[in-house]
Amino acid sequence: MKAEEYDRRALKIREEAVGLEHLYVGLSFNNLATLYYIEGRYAEAEPLYKRALAIDEKQLGAEHTALAATLQNYATVLRKMNRLAEAEKMEERARAIRARQK
């Protein structure tokens, strides 16, 4: 699929251009994970969301609103994988971040 090829290429370019821990790299992980989610490839999406989350937390901190979106995306995949307790934890954390920003 072309989308996957382009997302992988963008990830590689960003890693080489700005380093492995840059927010743009996290965004690329998130984009590729979302593609996998859409295609029903949940087991492949999960580690990518996990990596995006780690980058977001490191670069933005634990309370940034952008982190809430990544948490929600990750939770959605966990729900599809019937890992409900983990998903609920992620969703609660996302809600808490959003509530503090209001």
PDB file of N, CA and C in Angstrom:
ATOM      1  N   MET A   1       0.842  -1.180   0.000  1.00  0.00           N
ATOM      2  CA  MET A   1       0.000   0.000   0.000  1.00  0.00           C
ATOM      3  C   MET A   1       0.885   1.241   0.000  1.00  0.00           C
ATOM      4  N   LYS A   2       0.519   2.198  -0.806  1.00  0.00           N
ATOM      5  CA  LYS A   2       1.315   3.425  -0.943  1.00  0.00           C
ATOM      6  C   LYS A   2       1.361   4.233   0.340  1.00  0.00           C
ATOM      7  N   ALA A   3       0.244   4.327   1.056  1.00  0.00           N
ATOM      8  CA  ALA A   3       0.213   5.130   2.281  1.00  0.00           C
ATOM      9  C   ALA A   3       1.244   4.633   3.282  1.00  0.00           C
ATOM     10  N   GLU A   4       1.321   3.329   3.449  1.00  0.00           N
ATOM     11  CA  GLU A   4       2.295   2.773   4.383  1.00  0.00           C
ATOM     12  C   GLU A   4       3.719   3.092   3.928  1.00  0.00           C
ATOM     13  N   GLU A   5       3.962   2.948   2.655  1.00  0.00           N
ATOM     14  CA  GLU A   5       5.289   3.258   2.117  1.00  0.00           C
ATOM     15  C   GLU A   5       5.662   4.715   2.397  1.00  0.00           C
ATOM     16  N   TYR A   6       4.726   5.618   2.161  1.00  0.00           N
ATOM     17  CA  TYR A   6       4.997   7.042   2.389  1.00  0.00           C
ATOM     18  C   TYR A   6       5.184   7.361   3.874  1.00  0.00           C
ATOM     19  N   ASP A   7       4.357   6.745   4.722  1.00  0.00           N
ATOM     20  CA  ASP A   7       4.504   6.974   6.159  1.00  0.00           C
ATOM     21  C   ASP A   7       5.844   6.454   6.669  1.00  0.00           C
ATOM     22  N   ARG A   8       6.253   5.289   6.191  1.00  0.00           N
ATOM     23  CA  ARG A   8       7.550   4.735   6.608  1.00  0.00           C
ATOM     24  C   ARG A   8       8.704   5.606   6.118  1.00  0.00           C
ATOM     25  N   ARG A   9       8.573   6.102   4.897  1.00  0.00           N
ATOM     26  CA  ARG A   9       9.607   6.986   4.352  1.00  0.00           C
ATOM     27  C   ARG A   9       9.688   8.283   5.148  1.00  0.00           C
ATOM     28  N   ALA A  10       8.545   8.853   5.475  1.00  0.00           N
ATOM     29  CA  ALA A  10       8.524  10.082   6.276  1.00  0.00           C
ATOM     30  C   ALA A  10       9.164   9.853   7.643  1.00  0.00           C
ATOM     31  N   LEU A  11       8.867   8.712   8.257  1.00  0.00           N
ATOM     32  CA  LEU A  11       9.460   8.380   9.549  1.00  0.00           C
ATOM     33  C   LEU A  11      10.981   8.317   9.444  1.00  0.00           C
ATOM     34  N   LYS A  12      11.472   7.623   8.437  1.00  0.00           N
ATOM     35  CA  LYS A  12      12.926   7.487   8.261  1.00  0.00           C
ATOM     36  C   LYS A  12      13.589   8.846   8.023  1.00  0.00           C
ATOM     37  N   ILE A  13      12.988   9.657   7.185  1.00  0.00           N
ATOM     38  CA  ILE A  13      13.537  10.987   6.899  1.00  0.00           C
ATOM     39  C   ILE A  13      13.575  11.831   8.165  1.00  0.00           C
ATOM     40  N   ARG A  14      12.479  11.809   8.906  1.00  0.00           N
ATOM     41  CA  ARG A  14      12.434  12.603  10.136  1.00  0.00           C
ATOM     42  C   ARG A  14      13.440  12.113  11.168  1.00  0.00           C
ATOM     43  N   GLU A  15      13.584  10.805  11.316  1.00  0.00           N
ATOM     44  CA  GLU A  15      14.569  10.283  12.264  1.00  0.00           C
ATOM     45  C   GLU A  15      15.973  10.759  11.894  1.00  0.00           C
ATOM     46  N   GLU A  16      16.284  10.727  10.619  1.00  0.00           N
ATOM     47  CA  GLU A  16      17.615  11.143  10.173  1.00  0.00           C
ATOM     48  C   GLU A  16      17.796  12.649  10.274  1.00  0.00           C
ATOM     49  N   ALA A  17      16.742  13.413  10.022  1.00  0.00           N
ATOM     50  CA  ALA A  17      16.855  14.868   9.992  1.00  0.00           C
ATOM     51  C   ALA A  17      16.861  15.503  11.383  1.00  0.00           C
ATOM     52  N   VAL A  18      16.009  15.017  12.279  1.00  0.00           N
ATOM     53  CA  VAL A  18      15.863  15.702  13.563  1.00  0.00           C
ATOM     54  C   VAL A  18      16.175  14.830  14.784  1.00  0.00           C
ATOM     55  N   GLY A  19      16.426  13.551  14.582  1.00  0.00           N
ATOM     56  CA  GLY A  19      16.769  12.672  15.700  1.00  0.00           C
ATOM     57  C   GLY A  19      15.586  11.829  16.150  1.00  0.00           C
ATOM     58  N   LEU A  20      15.911  10.789  16.871  1.00  0.00           N
ATOM     59  CA  LEU A  20      14.926   9.770  17.242  1.00  0.00           C
ATOM     60  C   LEU A  20      13.895  10.228  18.260  1.00  0.00           C
ATOM     61  N   GLU A  21      14.162  11.285  18.979  1.00  0.00           N
ATOM     62  CA  GLU A  21      13.274  11.711  20.067  1.00  0.00           C
ATOM     63  C   GLU A  21      12.511  13.000  19.752  1.00  0.00           C
ATOM     64  N   HIS A  22      12.542  13.456  18.523  1.00  0.00           N
ATOM     65  CA  HIS A  22      11.875  14.705  18.155  1.00  0.00           C
ATOM     66  C   HIS A  22      10.367  14.493  18.030  1.00  0.00           C
ATOM     67  N   LEU A  23       9.611  15.554  18.292  1.00  0.00           N
ATOM     68  CA  LEU A  23       8.151  15.471  18.179  1.00  0.00           C
ATOM     69  C   LEU A  23       7.689  15.056  16.781  1.00  0.00           C
ATOM     70  N   TYR A  24       8.400  15.475  15.757  1.00  0.00           N
ATOM     71  CA  TYR A  24       8.017  15.089  14.389  1.00  0.00           C
ATOM     72  C   TYR A  24       8.137  13.578  14.192  1.00  0.00           C
ATOM     73  N   VAL A  25       9.099  12.975  14.856  1.00  0.00           N
ATOM     74  CA  VAL A  25       9.256  11.517  14.783  1.00  0.00           C
ATOM     75  C   VAL A  25       8.072  10.862  15.497  1.00  0.00           C
ATOM     76  N   GLY A  26       7.702  11.406  16.633  1.00  0.00           N
ATOM     77  CA  GLY A  26       6.529  10.901  17.341  1.00  0.00           C
ATOM     78  C   GLY A  26       5.274  11.013  16.496  1.00  0.00           C
ATOM     79  N   LEU A  27       5.147  12.114  15.783  1.00  0.00           N
ATOM     80  CA  LEU A  27       4.005  12.296  14.884  1.00  0.00           C
ATOM     81  C   LEU A  27       4.007  11.249  13.774  1.00  0.00           C
ATOM     82  N   SER A  28       5.174  10.946  13.248  1.00  0.00           N
ATOM     83  CA  SER A  28       5.266   9.915  12.216  1.00  0.00           C
ATOM     84  C   SER A  28       4.876   8.539  12.758  1.00  0.00           C
ATOM     85  N   PHE A  29       5.300   8.233  13.983  1.00  0.00           N
ATOM     86  CA  PHE A  29       4.883   6.966  14.602  1.00  0.00           C
ATOM     87  C   PHE A  29       3.360   6.935  14.760  1.00  0.00           C
ATOM     88  N   ASN A  30       2.806   8.057  15.203  1.00  0.00           N
ATOM     89  CA  ASN A  30       1.363   8.152  15.387  1.00  0.00           C
ATOM     90  C   ASN A  30       0.629   7.973  14.056  1.00  0.00           C
ATOM     91  N   ASN A  31       1.124   8.601  13.005  1.00  0.00           N
ATOM     92  CA  ASN A  31       0.487   8.491  11.687  1.00  0.00           C
ATOM     93  C   ASN A  31       0.500   7.054  11.165  1.00  0.00           C
ATOM     94  N   LEU A  32       1.631   6.402  11.283  1.00  0.00           N
ATOM     95  CA  LEU A  32       1.739   5.022  10.813  1.00  0.00           C
ATOM     96  C   LEU A  32       0.857   4.098  11.664  1.00  0.00           C
ATOM     97  N   ALA A  33       0.832   4.324  12.964  1.00  0.00           N
ATOM     98  CA  ALA A  33      -0.026   3.531  13.844  1.00  0.00           C
ATOM     99  C   ALA A  33      -1.492   3.723  13.487  1.00  0.00           C
ATOM    100  N   THR A  34      -1.881   4.936  13.163  1.00  0.00           N
ATOM    101  CA  THR A  34      -3.265   5.203  12.780  1.00  0.00           C
ATOM    102  C   THR A  34      -3.621   4.477  11.490  1.00  0.00           C
ATOM    103  N   LEU A  35      -2.711   4.441  10.553  1.00  0.00           N
ATOM    104  CA  LEU A  35      -2.938   3.683   9.318  1.00  0.00           C
ATOM    105  C   LEU A  35      -3.168   2.211   9.644  1.00  0.00           C
ATOM    106  N   TYR A  36      -2.327   1.656  10.497  1.00  0.00           N
ATOM    107  CA  TYR A  36      -2.473   0.253  10.880  1.00  0.00           C
ATOM    108  C   TYR A  36      -3.810   0.024  11.600  1.00  0.00           C
ATOM    109  N   TYR A  37      -4.181   0.970  12.442  1.00  0.00           N
ATOM    110  CA  TYR A  37      -5.468   0.862  13.133  1.00  0.00           C
ATOM    111  C   TYR A  37      -6.620   0.807  12.118  1.00  0.00           C
ATOM    112  N   ILE A  38      -6.607   1.701  11.165  1.00  0.00           N
ATOM    113  CA  ILE A  38      -7.654   1.748  10.134  1.00  0.00           C
ATOM    114  C   ILE A  38      -7.721   0.428   9.378  1.00  0.00           C
ATOM    115  N   GLU A  39      -6.570  -0.163   9.154  1.00  0.00           N
ATOM    116  CA  GLU A  39      -6.503  -1.430   8.418  1.00  0.00           C
ATOM    117  C   GLU A  39      -6.792  -2.640   9.313  1.00  0.00           C
ATOM    118  N   GLY A  40      -7.026  -2.412  10.597  1.00  0.00           N
ATOM    119  CA  GLY A  40      -7.303  -3.514  11.514  1.00  0.00           C
ATOM    120  C   GLY A  40      -6.055  -4.241  11.976  1.00  0.00           C
ATOM    121  N   ARG A  41      -4.914  -3.641  11.810  1.00  0.00           N
ATOM    122  CA  ARG A  41      -3.637  -4.252  12.184  1.00  0.00           C
ATOM    123  C   ARG A  41      -3.241  -3.755  13.584  1.00  0.00           C
ATOM    124  N   TYR A  42      -4.076  -4.092  14.552  1.00  0.00           N
ATOM    125  CA  TYR A  42      -3.946  -3.540  15.904  1.00  0.00           C
ATOM    126  C   TYR A  42      -2.634  -3.918  16.583  1.00  0.00           C
ATOM    127  N   ALA A  43      -2.219  -5.150  16.444  1.00  0.00           N
ATOM    128  CA  ALA A  43      -0.973  -5.587  17.081  1.00  0.00           C
ATOM    129  C   ALA A  43       0.232  -4.831  16.530  1.00  0.00           C
ATOM    130  N   GLU A  44       0.166  -4.421  15.280  1.00  0.00           N
ATOM    131  CA  GLU A  44       1.257  -3.636  14.697  1.00  0.00           C
ATOM    132  C   GLU A  44       1.148  -2.167  15.091  1.00  0.00           C
ATOM    133  N   ALA A  45      -0.057  -1.691  15.311  1.00  0.00           N
ATOM    134  CA  ALA A  45      -0.268  -0.288  15.693  1.00  0.00           C
ATOM    135  C   ALA A  45       0.188  -0.021  17.125  1.00  0.00           C
ATOM    136  N   GLU A  46      -0.045  -0.990  18.002  1.00  0.00           N
ATOM    137  CA  GLU A  46       0.231  -0.756  19.421  1.00  0.00           C
ATOM    138  C   GLU A  46       1.649  -0.291  19.727  1.00  0.00           C
ATOM    139  N   PRO A  47       2.699  -0.977  19.288  1.00  0.00           N
ATOM    140  CA  PRO A  47       4.049  -0.505  19.657  1.00  0.00           C
ATOM    141  C   PRO A  47       4.380   0.868  19.068  1.00  0.00           C
ATOM    142  N   LEU A  48       3.747   1.202  17.956  1.00  0.00           N
ATOM    143  CA  LEU A  48       3.989   2.516  17.362  1.00  0.00           C
ATOM    144  C   LEU A  48       3.337   3.618  18.201  1.00  0.00           C
ATOM    145  N   TYR A  49       2.113   3.366  18.662  1.00  0.00           N
ATOM    146  CA  TYR A  49       1.476   4.332  19.570  1.00  0.00           C
ATOM    147  C   TYR A  49       2.263   4.445  20.865  1.00  0.00           C
ATOM    148  N   LYS A  50       2.769   3.329  21.343  1.00  0.00           N
ATOM    149  CA  LYS A  50       3.572   3.323  22.562  1.00  0.00           C
ATOM    150  C   LYS A  50       4.818   4.197  22.395  1.00  0.00           C
ATOM    151  N   ARG A  51       5.453   4.070  21.258  1.00  0.00           N
ATOM    152  CA  ARG A  51       6.656   4.878  20.966  1.00  0.00           C
ATOM    153  C   ARG A  51       6.292   6.359  20.836  1.00  0.00           C
ATOM    154  N   ALA A  52       5.193   6.645  20.135  1.00  0.00           N
ATOM    155  CA  ALA A  52       4.736   8.035  20.003  1.00  0.00           C
ATOM    156  C   ALA A  52       4.447   8.626  21.382  1.00  0.00           C
ATOM    157  N   LEU A  53       3.814   7.850  22.235  1.00  0.00           N
ATOM    158  CA  LEU A  53       3.496   8.302  23.592  1.00  0.00           C
ATOM    159  C   LEU A  53       4.762   8.608  24.381  1.00  0.00           C
ATOM    160  N   ALA A  54       5.753   7.754  24.285  1.00  0.00           N
ATOM    161  CA  ALA A  54       7.016   7.968  25.002  1.00  0.00           C
ATOM    162  C   ALA A  54       7.694   9.258  24.543  1.00  0.00           C
ATOM    163  N   ILE A  55       7.685   9.497  23.247  1.00  0.00           N
ATOM    164  CA  ILE A  55       8.294  10.728  22.714  1.00  0.00           C
ATOM    165  C   ILE A  55       7.515  11.947  23.184  1.00  0.00           C
ATOM    166  N   ASP A  56       6.184  11.888  23.083  1.00  0.00           N
ATOM    167  CA  ASP A  56       5.355  13.012  23.531  1.00  0.00           C
ATOM    168  C   ASP A  56       5.599  13.329  25.003  1.00  0.00           C
ATOM    169  N   GLU A  57       5.622  12.299  25.836  1.00  0.00           N
ATOM    170  CA  GLU A  57       5.838  12.519  27.263  1.00  0.00           C
ATOM    171  C   GLU A  57       7.196  13.148  27.531  1.00  0.00           C
ATOM    172  N   LYS A  58       8.199  12.666  26.835  1.00  0.00           N
ATOM    173  CA  LYS A  58       9.552  13.189  27.042  1.00  0.00           C
ATOM    174  C   LYS A  58       9.659  14.642  26.574  1.00  0.00           C
ATOM    175  N   GLN A  59       9.100  14.936  25.425  1.00  0.00           N
ATOM    176  CA  GLN A  59       9.261  16.262  24.834  1.00  0.00           C
ATOM    177  C   GLN A  59       8.258  17.296  25.350  1.00  0.00           C
ATOM    178  N   LEU A  60       7.064  16.864  25.688  1.00  0.00           N
ATOM    179  CA  LEU A  60       6.004  17.800  26.063  1.00  0.00           C
ATOM    180  C   LEU A  60       5.696  17.820  27.550  1.00  0.00           C
ATOM    181  N   GLY A  61       6.021  16.740  28.230  1.00  0.00           N
ATOM    182  CA  GLY A  61       5.665  16.615  29.637  1.00  0.00           C
ATOM    183  C   GLY A  61       4.351  15.868  29.792  1.00  0.00           C
ATOM    184  N   ALA A  62       4.090  15.451  31.009  1.00  0.00           N
ATOM    185  CA  ALA A  62       2.957  14.569  31.295  1.00  0.00           C
ATOM    186  C   ALA A  62       1.608  15.265  31.281  1.00  0.00           C
ATOM    187  N   GLU A  63       1.569  16.586  31.157  1.00  0.00           N
ATOM    188  CA  GLU A  63       0.302  17.317  31.249  1.00  0.00           C
ATOM    189  C   GLU A  63      -0.086  18.047  29.964  1.00  0.00           C
ATOM    190  N   HIS A  64       0.637  17.873  28.911  1.00  0.00           N
ATOM    191  CA  HIS A  64       0.366  18.610  27.664  1.00  0.00           C
ATOM    192  C   HIS A  64      -0.862  18.054  26.953  1.00  0.00           C
ATOM    193  N   THR A  65      -1.668  18.948  26.379  1.00  0.00           N
ATOM    194  CA  THR A  65      -2.901  18.508  25.718  1.00  0.00           C
ATOM    195  C   THR A  65      -2.639  17.604  24.511  1.00  0.00           C
ATOM    196  N   ALA A  66      -1.538  17.790  23.824  1.00  0.00           N
ATOM    197  CA  ALA A  66      -1.225  16.916  22.682  1.00  0.00           C
ATOM    198  C   ALA A  66      -1.024  15.473  23.145  1.00  0.00           C
ATOM    199  N   LEU A  67      -0.555  15.315  24.348  1.00  0.00           N
ATOM    200  CA  LEU A  67      -0.367  13.987  24.913  1.00  0.00           C
ATOM    201  C   LEU A  67      -1.708  13.275  25.066  1.00  0.00           C
ATOM    202  N   ALA A  68      -2.750  14.026  25.385  1.00  0.00           N
ATOM    203  CA  ALA A  68      -4.081  13.436  25.551  1.00  0.00           C
ATOM    204  C   ALA A  68      -4.556  12.771  24.260  1.00  0.00           C
ATOM    205  N   ALA A  69      -4.272  13.366  23.127  1.00  0.00           N
ATOM    206  CA  ALA A  69      -4.683  12.778  21.844  1.00  0.00           C
ATOM    207  C   ALA A  69      -3.965  11.459  21.599  1.00  0.00           C
ATOM    208  N   THR A  70      -2.685  11.405  21.895  1.00  0.00           N
ATOM    209  CA  THR A  70      -1.928  10.169  21.718  1.00  0.00           C
ATOM    210  C   THR A  70      -2.431   9.091  22.669  1.00  0.00           C
ATOM    211  N   LEU A  71      -2.718   9.474  23.898  1.00  0.00           N
ATOM    212  CA  LEU A  71      -3.280   8.527  24.861  1.00  0.00           C
ATOM    213  C   LEU A  71      -4.606   7.953  24.365  1.00  0.00           C
ATOM    214  N   GLN A  72      -5.436   8.812  23.816  1.00  0.00           N
ATOM    215  CA  GLN A  72      -6.738   8.366  23.316  1.00  0.00           C
ATOM    216  C   GLN A  72      -6.578   7.416  22.132  1.00  0.00           C
ATOM    217  N   ASN A  73      -5.667   7.731  21.226  1.00  0.00           N
ATOM    218  CA  ASN A  73      -5.409   6.847  20.086  1.00  0.00           C
ATOM    219  C   ASN A  73      -4.939   5.474  20.558  1.00  0.00           C
ATOM    220  N   TYR A  74      -4.027   5.479  21.493  1.00  0.00           N
ATOM    221  CA  TYR A  74      -3.492   4.231  22.041  1.00  0.00           C
ATOM    222  C   TYR A  74      -4.615   3.433  22.716  1.00  0.00           C
ATOM    223  N   ALA A  75      -5.448   4.125  23.476  1.00  0.00           N
ATOM    224  CA  ALA A  75      -6.561   3.467  24.159  1.00  0.00           C
ATOM    225  C   ALA A  75      -7.517   2.813  23.174  1.00  0.00           C
ATOM    226  N   THR A  76      -7.747   3.451  22.054  1.00  0.00           N
ATOM    227  CA  THR A  76      -8.642   2.909  21.037  1.00  0.00           C
ATOM    228  C   THR A  76      -8.132   1.568  20.523  1.00  0.00           C
ATOM    229  N   VAL A  77      -6.847   1.479  20.286  1.00  0.00           N
ATOM    230  CA  VAL A  77      -6.252   0.217  19.836  1.00  0.00           C
ATOM    231  C   VAL A  77      -6.340  -0.833  20.937  1.00  0.00           C
ATOM    232  N   LEU A  78      -6.060  -0.446  22.160  1.00  0.00           N
ATOM    233  CA  LEU A  78      -6.149  -1.394  23.269  1.00  0.00           C
ATOM    234  C   LEU A  78      -7.569  -1.946  23.400  1.00  0.00           C
ATOM    235  N   ARG A  79      -8.565  -1.105  23.201  1.00  0.00           N
ATOM    236  CA  ARG A  79      -9.960  -1.571  23.248  1.00  0.00           C
ATOM    237  C   ARG A  79     -10.216  -2.607  22.158  1.00  0.00           C
ATOM    238  N   LYS A  80      -9.715  -2.342  20.954  1.00  0.00           N
ATOM    239  CA  LYS A  80      -9.897  -3.294  19.854  1.00  0.00           C
ATOM    240  C   LYS A  80      -9.221  -4.626  20.149  1.00  0.00           C
ATOM    241  N   MET A  81      -8.205  -4.592  20.981  1.00  0.00           N
ATOM    242  CA  MET A  81      -7.475  -5.810  21.348  1.00  0.00           C
ATOM    243  C   MET A  81      -8.037  -6.435  22.632  1.00  0.00           C
ATOM    244  N   ASN A  82      -9.189  -5.914  23.074  1.00  0.00           N
ATOM    245  CA  ASN A  82      -9.862  -6.389  24.291  1.00  0.00           C
ATOM    246  C   ASN A  82      -9.012  -6.264  25.551  1.00  0.00           C
ATOM    247  N   ARG A  83      -8.178  -5.262  25.576  1.00  0.00           N
ATOM    248  CA  ARG A  83      -7.373  -4.972  26.764  1.00  0.00           C
ATOM    249  C   ARG A  83      -8.016  -3.766  27.446  1.00  0.00           C
ATOM    250  N   LEU A  84      -9.213  -4.009  27.966  1.00  0.00           N
ATOM    251  CA  LEU A  84     -10.084  -2.940  28.436  1.00  0.00           C
ATOM    252  C   LEU A  84      -9.549  -2.191  29.644  1.00  0.00           C
ATOM    253  N   ALA A  85      -8.962  -2.881  30.573  1.00  0.00           N
ATOM    254  CA  ALA A  85      -8.435  -2.212  31.768  1.00  0.00           C
ATOM    255  C   ALA A  85      -7.327  -1.226  31.395  1.00  0.00           C
ATOM    256  N   GLU A  86      -6.449  -1.640  30.499  1.00  0.00           N
ATOM    257  CA  GLU A  86      -5.380  -0.748  30.039  1.00  0.00           C
ATOM    258  C   GLU A  86      -5.960   0.440  29.278  1.00  0.00           C
ATOM    259  N   ALA A  87      -6.945   0.171  28.437  1.00  0.00           N
ATOM    260  CA  ALA A  87      -7.583   1.231  27.656  1.00  0.00           C
ATOM    261  C   ALA A  87      -8.241   2.255  28.578  1.00  0.00           C
ATOM    262  N   GLU A  88      -8.939   1.779  29.586  1.00  0.00           N
ATOM    263  CA  GLU A  88      -9.609   2.682  30.521  1.00  0.00           C
ATOM    264  C   GLU A  88      -8.615   3.566  31.263  1.00  0.00           C
ATOM    265  N   LYS A  89      -7.467   2.997  31.611  1.00  0.00           N
ATOM    266  CA  LYS A  89      -6.415   3.786  32.268  1.00  0.00           C
ATOM    267  C   LYS A  89      -5.935   4.929  31.369  1.00  0.00           C
ATOM    268  N   MET A  90      -5.703   4.595  30.103  1.00  0.00           N
ATOM    269  CA  MET A  90      -5.246   5.606  29.141  1.00  0.00           C
ATOM    270  C   MET A  90      -6.317   6.679  28.941  1.00  0.00           C
ATOM    271  N   GLU A  91      -7.568   6.252  28.809  1.00  0.00           N
ATOM    272  CA  GLU A  91      -8.661   7.199  28.603  1.00  0.00           C
ATOM    273  C   GLU A  91      -8.845   8.118  29.803  1.00  0.00           C
ATOM    274  N   GLU A  92      -8.730   7.566  30.990  1.00  0.00           N
ATOM    275  CA  GLU A  92      -8.854   8.373  32.201  1.00  0.00           C
ATOM    276  C   GLU A  92      -7.734   9.407  32.270  1.00  0.00           C
ATOM    277  N   ARG A  93      -6.562   8.998  31.925  1.00  0.00           N
ATOM    278  CA  ARG A  93      -5.433   9.929  31.927  1.00  0.00           C
ATOM    279  C   ARG A  93      -5.647  11.040  30.906  1.00  0.00           C
ATOM    280  N   ALA A  94      -6.144  10.686  29.724  1.00  0.00           N
ATOM    281  CA  ALA A  94      -6.435  11.694  28.691  1.00  0.00           C
ATOM    282  C   ALA A  94      -7.503  12.666  29.180  1.00  0.00           C
ATOM    283  N   ARG A  95      -8.574  12.150  29.802  1.00  0.00           N
ATOM    284  CA  ARG A  95      -9.634  13.020  30.333  1.00  0.00           C
ATOM    285  C   ARG A  95      -9.096  13.965  31.394  1.00  0.00           C
ATOM    286  N   ALA A  96      -8.244  13.447  32.260  1.00  0.00           N
ATOM    287  CA  ALA A  96      -7.677  14.270  33.327  1.00  0.00           C
ATOM    288  C   ALA A  96      -6.829  15.410  32.765  1.00  0.00           C
ATOM    289  N   ILE A  97      -6.043  15.112  31.753  1.00  0.00           N
ATOM    290  CA  ILE A  97      -5.223  16.153  31.120  1.00  0.00           C
ATOM    291  C   ILE A  97      -6.118  17.223  30.519  1.00  0.00           C
ATOM    292  N   ARG A  98      -7.132  16.794  29.791  1.00  0.00           N
ATOM    293  CA  ARG A  98      -8.048  17.758  29.156  1.00  0.00           C
ATOM    294  C   ARG A  98      -8.784  18.598  30.192  1.00  0.00           C
ATOM    295  N   ALA A  99      -9.189  17.983  31.307  1.00  0.00           N
ATOM    296  CA  ALA A  99      -9.922  18.688  32.350  1.00  0.00           C
ATOM    297  C   ALA A  99      -9.045  19.770  32.985  1.00  0.00           C
ATOM    298  N   ARG A 100      -7.783  19.492  33.161  1.00  0.00           N
ATOM    299  CA  ARG A 100      -6.871  20.471  33.769  1.00  0.00           C
ATOM    300  C   ARG A 100      -6.574  21.642  32.834  1.00  0.00           C
ATOM    301  N   GLN A 101      -6.792  21.466  31.563  1.00  0.00           N
ATOM    302  CA  GLN A 101      -6.480  22.514  30.591  1.00  0.00           C
ATOM    303  C   GLN A 101      -7.635  23.498  30.416  1.00  0.00           C
ATOM    304  N   LYS A 102      -8.792  23.191  30.971  1.00  0.00           N
ATOM    305  CA  LYS A 102      -9.966  24.069  30.816  1.00  0.00           C
ATOM    306  C   LYS A 102      -9.946  25.208  31.781  1.00  0.00           C
TER     307      LYS A 102
END
